[in-house]
């Protein structure tokens, strides 16, 4: 559900803060409920402090540098969504060489992946592969549309010539 203990603790503390605000702003503020939520929030903040390695509730520890994620060799851990740059590049190249129907797929996947990179969900070092695959997908899509137009034109000419 959560990537790590830190995210789970932050989510729990945020939910408790919201519940406490709701309980305090309610018409019938129940003192026992507020005291219980305050105690749970203090425990959640203590857990965050333990995970952070220092006293107080604040910002999470800085993320690791790019390429030094949770696994040796720099794979994963730093971003919530796995990068698809290699897949998009392969689809783009295959759409030019083998099967042009992969062109629109590479194009749309590339657009979505660039949005994810801009939002910070995916490693930005994959932008080059994503852009190259997206452009190959665009070229293949345009060539496919032109080819289908030419085939349709030939069929119309053949149908007109048969009358």
Protein backbone atom coordinates (compact mmCIF):
# COMPACT_ATOMS: atom_id res chain seq x y z
CA UNK A 1 0.00 0.00 0.00
CA UNK A 2 2.77 2.43 0.92
CA UNK A 3 6.28 2.44 -0.44
CA UNK A 4 7.88 2.48 2.97
CA UNK A 5 7.34 3.07 6.69
CA UNK A 6 7.82 6.81 6.32
CA UNK A 7 4.94 7.20 3.84
CA UNK A 8 2.68 5.08 6.03
CA UNK A 9 3.53 7.13 9.12
CA UNK A 10 2.97 10.43 7.30
CA UNK A 11 -0.39 9.22 5.99
CA UNK A 12 -1.43 8.11 9.48
CA UNK A 13 -0.38 11.43 11.04
CA UNK A 14 -2.20 13.40 8.34
CA UNK A 15 -5.38 11.39 8.83
CA UNK A 16 -5.21 11.86 12.59
CA UNK A 17 -4.66 15.62 12.20
CA UNK A 18 -7.72 15.83 9.96
CA UNK A 19 -9.83 13.81 12.40
CA UNK A 20 -8.68 16.03 15.27
CA UNK A 21 -9.55 19.21 13.34
CA UNK A 22 -12.97 17.76 12.51
CA UNK A 23 -13.59 16.79 16.14
CA UNK A 24 -12.52 20.22 17.42
CA UNK A 25 -14.65 22.11 14.91
CA UNK A 26 -17.78 20.00 15.45
CA UNK A 27 -20.86 21.34 17.21
CA UNK A 28 -20.61 18.78 19.99
CA UNK A 29 -16.92 18.60 20.74
CA UNK A 30 -16.40 15.38 22.71
CA UNK A 31 -13.49 15.91 25.11
CA UNK A 32 -12.72 12.18 25.32
CA UNK A 33 -12.53 11.85 21.53
CA UNK A 34 -10.29 14.92 21.25
CA UNK A 35 -8.00 13.61 24.00
CA UNK A 36 -7.81 10.20 22.33
CA UNK A 37 -7.02 11.71 18.92
CA UNK A 38 -4.41 14.03 20.47
CA UNK A 39 -2.70 11.05 22.11
CA UNK A 40 -2.74 9.05 18.85
CA UNK A 41 -1.32 12.06 16.97
CA UNK A 42 1.49 12.39 19.51
CA UNK A 43 2.31 8.70 19.02
CA UNK A 44 2.29 9.13 15.24
CA UNK A 45 4.61 12.15 15.55
CA UNK A 46 6.93 10.13 17.81
CA UNK A 47 7.00 7.39 15.15
CA UNK A 48 7.85 9.98 12.49
CA UNK A 49 10.63 11.35 14.71
CA UNK A 50 11.97 7.81 15.19
CA UNK A 51 11.93 7.18 11.45
CA UNK A 52 13.53 10.52 10.73
CA UNK A 53 16.26 9.91 13.25
CA UNK A 54 15.83 13.20 15.06
CA UNK A 55 13.32 14.89 17.32
CA UNK A 56 10.25 16.67 15.99
CA UNK A 57 7.77 16.30 13.19
CA UNK A 58 8.80 17.90 9.94
CA UNK A 59 9.96 17.20 6.48
CA UNK A 60 10.99 13.71 5.37
CA UNK A 61 14.63 12.87 4.97
CA UNK A 62 16.03 14.00 1.62
CA UNK A 63 15.56 11.50 -1.22
CA UNK A 64 18.62 9.66 -2.49
CA UNK A 65 20.41 11.04 -5.52
CA UNK A 66 19.27 9.83 -8.93
CA UNK A 67 20.48 6.35 -9.73
CA UNK A 68 20.95 5.39 -6.09
CA UNK A 69 17.52 4.01 -5.29
CA UNK A 70 16.53 1.23 -2.96
CA UNK A 71 18.51 -1.53 -4.70
CA UNK A 72 22.18 -1.89 -5.54
CA UNK A 73 22.91 -0.56 -8.99
CA UNK A 74 20.38 2.24 -8.68
CA UNK A 75 17.14 0.43 -9.43
CA UNK A 76 13.88 1.64 -7.91
CA UNK A 77 13.12 3.15 -4.58
CA UNK A 78 13.41 6.84 -5.39
CA UNK A 79 10.25 7.31 -7.49
CA UNK A 80 6.73 6.00 -6.95
CA UNK A 81 6.16 4.93 -10.57
CA UNK A 82 8.60 2.72 -12.50
CA UNK A 83 10.06 4.31 -15.61
CA UNK A 84 8.82 3.10 -19.01
CA UNK A 85 11.33 4.96 -21.17
CA UNK A 86 12.90 1.79 -22.58
CA UNK A 87 9.52 0.28 -23.46
CA UNK A 88 8.41 3.46 -25.21
CA UNK A 89 11.65 3.61 -27.19
CA UNK A 90 11.31 -0.05 -28.25
CA UNK A 91 7.67 0.50 -29.29
CA UNK A 92 8.69 3.59 -31.27
CA UNK A 93 11.49 1.81 -33.13
CA UNK A 94 9.35 -1.27 -33.80
CA UNK A 95 6.58 0.98 -35.13
CA UNK A 96 8.98 2.35 -37.75
CA UNK A 97 10.56 -0.95 -38.67
CA UNK A 98 8.00 -3.72 -38.21
CA UNK A 99 4.48 -2.79 -37.23
CA UNK A 100 3.24 0.77 -37.62
CA UNK A 101 0.21 0.16 -35.38
CA UNK A 102 2.62 0.48 -32.44
CA UNK A 103 3.20 4.13 -33.45
CA UNK A 104 0.11 5.61 -31.80
CA UNK A 105 0.74 3.42 -28.74
CA UNK A 106 4.31 4.74 -28.39
CA UNK A 107 3.08 8.28 -28.98
CA UNK A 108 0.39 8.15 -26.28
CA UNK A 109 2.60 6.29 -23.79
CA UNK A 110 5.32 8.89 -24.40
CA UNK A 111 2.91 11.76 -23.72
CA UNK A 112 1.77 10.17 -20.46
CA UNK A 113 5.33 9.39 -19.37
CA UNK A 114 6.44 12.98 -20.01
CA UNK A 115 3.55 14.17 -17.83
CA UNK A 116 4.70 11.79 -15.09
CA UNK A 117 8.27 13.08 -15.38
CA UNK A 118 7.01 16.67 -15.06
CA UNK A 119 5.03 15.74 -11.93
CA UNK A 120 8.13 14.10 -10.43
CA UNK A 121 6.68 10.58 -10.35
CA UNK A 122 9.29 9.07 -12.69
CA UNK A 123 13.07 9.34 -12.92
CA UNK A 124 13.85 12.33 -15.18
CA UNK A 125 16.94 10.61 -16.58
CA UNK A 126 14.61 8.57 -18.83
CA UNK A 127 13.36 11.70 -20.66
CA UNK A 128 15.68 11.08 -23.63
CA UNK A 129 14.38 7.57 -24.28
CA UNK A 130 10.80 8.73 -23.83
CA UNK A 131 11.22 11.62 -26.24
CA UNK A 132 12.96 9.47 -28.87
CA UNK A 133 10.28 6.74 -28.65
CA UNK A 134 7.51 9.34 -28.77
CA UNK A 135 8.96 10.98 -31.89
CA UNK A 136 9.39 7.59 -33.60
CA UNK A 137 5.77 6.87 -32.71
CA UNK A 138 4.66 10.18 -34.20
CA UNK A 139 6.53 9.52 -37.44
CA UNK A 140 5.13 5.99 -37.70
CA UNK A 141 1.61 7.26 -37.01
CA UNK A 142 1.85 9.92 -39.70
CA UNK A 143 3.28 7.41 -42.19
CA UNK A 144 0.47 4.99 -41.32
CA UNK A 145 -2.19 7.67 -41.92
CA UNK A 146 -0.61 8.60 -45.26
CA UNK A 147 -0.41 4.92 -46.27
CA UNK A 148 -4.05 4.32 -45.34
CA UNK A 149 -5.04 7.43 -47.29
CA UNK A 150 -3.14 6.22 -50.36
CA UNK A 151 -4.69 2.75 -50.12
CA UNK A 152 -8.16 4.28 -49.80
CA UNK A 153 -7.43 6.53 -52.80
CA UNK A 154 -6.33 3.54 -54.90
CA UNK A 155 -9.51 1.63 -53.96
CA UNK A 156 -11.66 4.61 -54.94
CA UNK A 157 -9.82 4.88 -58.28
CA UNK A 158 -10.18 1.15 -58.87
CA UNK A 159 -13.89 1.25 -58.05
CA UNK A 160 -14.37 4.23 -60.37
CA UNK A 161 -12.46 2.56 -63.19
CA UNK A 162 -14.54 -0.61 -62.98
CA UNK A 163 -17.77 1.25 -63.95
